[in-house]
Amino acid sequence: MIITAAAWDSRSIEHIARHGVDRSEIEELLDGRCLKRRTRSDCYMIYGRSEAGDRKSTRLNSSHANI
């Protein structure tokens, strides 16, 4: 599966900020080598590491991304 783009709205940005994460960290995760698992018909869990080596995971709703 290739993710070509993610759509960001203010709600999503505010949500990840509550977890101490910013948009660039999630985009770095999506651009890098990561594991993608489908959880429901419209959601995927993405697991990977940042360039600094930190483990990250995020849930991606397919309606907010070009998959």
C-alpha atoms as a PDB file:
ATOM      1  CA  MET A   1       0.000   0.000   0.000  1.00  0.00           C
ATOM      2  CA  ILE A   2       1.304   3.419  -0.921  1.00  0.00           C
ATOM      3  CA  ILE A   3       0.055   6.547   0.829  1.00  0.00           C
ATOM      4  CA  THR A   4       0.468   9.465  -1.546  1.00  0.00           C
ATOM      5  CA  ALA A   5      -1.043  12.244   0.584  1.00  0.00           C
ATOM      6  CA  ALA A   6      -2.738  12.899   3.904  1.00  0.00           C
ATOM      7  CA  ALA A   7      -5.390  15.558   4.438  1.00  0.00           C
ATOM      8  CA  TRP A   8      -5.062  17.607   7.613  1.00  0.00           C
ATOM      9  CA  ASP A   9      -7.824  19.531   9.302  1.00  0.00           C
ATOM     10  CA  SER A  10      -7.564  21.588  12.486  1.00  0.00           C
ATOM     11  CA  ARG A  11      -9.190  18.816  14.541  1.00  0.00           C
ATOM     12  CA  SER A  12      -6.535  16.285  13.475  1.00  0.00           C
ATOM     13  CA  ILE A  13      -3.673  18.699  14.151  1.00  0.00           C
ATOM     14  CA  GLU A  14      -5.081  19.565  17.588  1.00  0.00           C
ATOM     15  CA  HIS A  15      -5.532  15.866  18.388  1.00  0.00           C
ATOM     16  CA  ILE A  16      -1.946  14.854  17.640  1.00  0.00           C
ATOM     17  CA  ALA A  17      -0.681  17.951  19.482  1.00  0.00           C
ATOM     18  CA  ARG A  18      -2.351  16.635  22.652  1.00  0.00           C
ATOM     19  CA  HIS A  19      -0.046  13.620  22.298  1.00  0.00           C
ATOM     20  CA  GLY A  20       3.041  15.822  21.896  1.00  0.00           C
ATOM     21  CA  VAL A  21       3.339  15.090  18.170  1.00  0.00           C
ATOM     22  CA  ASP A  22       3.287  17.509  15.255  1.00  0.00           C
ATOM     23  CA  ARG A  23       2.250  17.103  11.646  1.00  0.00           C
ATOM     24  CA  SER A  24       5.817  16.801  10.344  1.00  0.00           C
ATOM     25  CA  GLU A  25       6.472  13.795  12.599  1.00  0.00           C
ATOM     26  CA  ILE A  26       3.459  11.932  11.215  1.00  0.00           C
ATOM     27  CA  GLU A  27       4.373  12.813   7.632  1.00  0.00           C
ATOM     28  CA  GLU A  28       7.930  11.599   8.304  1.00  0.00           C
ATOM     29  CA  LEU A  29       6.465   8.312   9.528  1.00  0.00           C
ATOM     30  CA  LEU A  30       4.285   7.958   6.425  1.00  0.00           C
ATOM     31  CA  ASP A  31       7.193   8.815   4.087  1.00  0.00           C
ATOM     32  CA  GLY A  32       9.580   6.344   5.693  1.00  0.00           C
ATOM     33  CA  ARG A  33       9.681   2.610   6.023  1.00  0.00           C
ATOM     34  CA  CYS A  34       6.647   1.641   8.072  1.00  0.00           C
ATOM     35  CA  LEU A  35       4.226  -1.193   8.742  1.00  0.00           C
ATOM     36  CA  LYS A  36       0.641  -0.597   7.685  1.00  0.00           C
ATOM     37  CA  ARG A  37      -2.216  -2.757   8.971  1.00  0.00           C
ATOM     38  CA  ARG A  38      -5.875  -2.458   8.074  1.00  0.00           C
ATOM     39  CA  THR A  39      -8.030  -2.387  11.209  1.00  0.00           C
ATOM     40  CA  ARG A  40     -11.470  -1.704   9.764  1.00  0.00           C
ATOM     41  CA  SER A  41     -12.829  -0.968   6.338  1.00  0.00           C
ATOM     42  CA  ASP A  42     -11.912   2.719   6.677  1.00  0.00           C
ATOM     43  CA  CYS A  43      -8.914   2.709   9.075  1.00  0.00           C
ATOM     44  CA  TYR A  44      -5.258   1.711   9.067  1.00  0.00           C
ATOM     45  CA  MET A  45      -2.676   1.550  11.851  1.00  0.00           C
ATOM     46  CA  ILE A  46       0.736   2.808  10.806  1.00  0.00           C
ATOM     47  CA  TYR A  47       3.832   1.784  12.811  1.00  0.00           C
ATOM     48  CA  GLY A  48       7.379   2.984  12.262  1.00  0.00           C
ATOM     49  CA  ARG A  49      10.315   5.016  13.516  1.00  0.00           C
ATOM     50  CA  SER A  50      11.210   8.645  13.114  1.00  0.00           C
ATOM     51  CA  GLU A  51      14.570   9.649  11.650  1.00  0.00           C
ATOM     52  CA  ALA A  52      15.721  10.119  15.270  1.00  0.00           C
ATOM     53  CA  GLY A  53      14.783   6.487  15.984  1.00  0.00           C
ATOM     54  CA  ASP A  54      11.678   7.174  18.081  1.00  0.00           C
ATOM     55  CA  ARG A  55       8.900   4.616  17.698  1.00  0.00           C
ATOM     56  CA  LYS A  56       5.669   6.119  16.444  1.00  0.00           C
ATOM     57  CA  SER A  57       2.225   4.823  15.598  1.00  0.00           C
ATOM     58  CA  THR A  58      -0.861   6.508  14.255  1.00  0.00           C
ATOM     59  CA  ARG A  59      -4.334   5.631  13.073  1.00  0.00           C
ATOM     60  CA  LEU A  60      -5.190   6.808   9.590  1.00  0.00           C
ATOM     61  CA  ASN A  61      -8.742   7.084   8.328  1.00  0.00           C
ATOM     62  CA  SER A  62      -8.752   6.261   4.616  1.00  0.00           C
ATOM     63  CA  SER A  63     -11.179   9.116   3.944  1.00  0.00           C
ATOM     64  CA  HIS A  64      -8.359  11.519   4.991  1.00  0.00           C
ATOM     65  CA  ALA A  65      -5.663  10.013   2.760  1.00  0.00           C
ATOM     66  CA  ASN A  66      -4.955   8.954  -0.801  1.00  0.00           C
ATOM     67  CA  ILE A  67      -4.246   5.242  -0.410  1.00  0.00           C
END
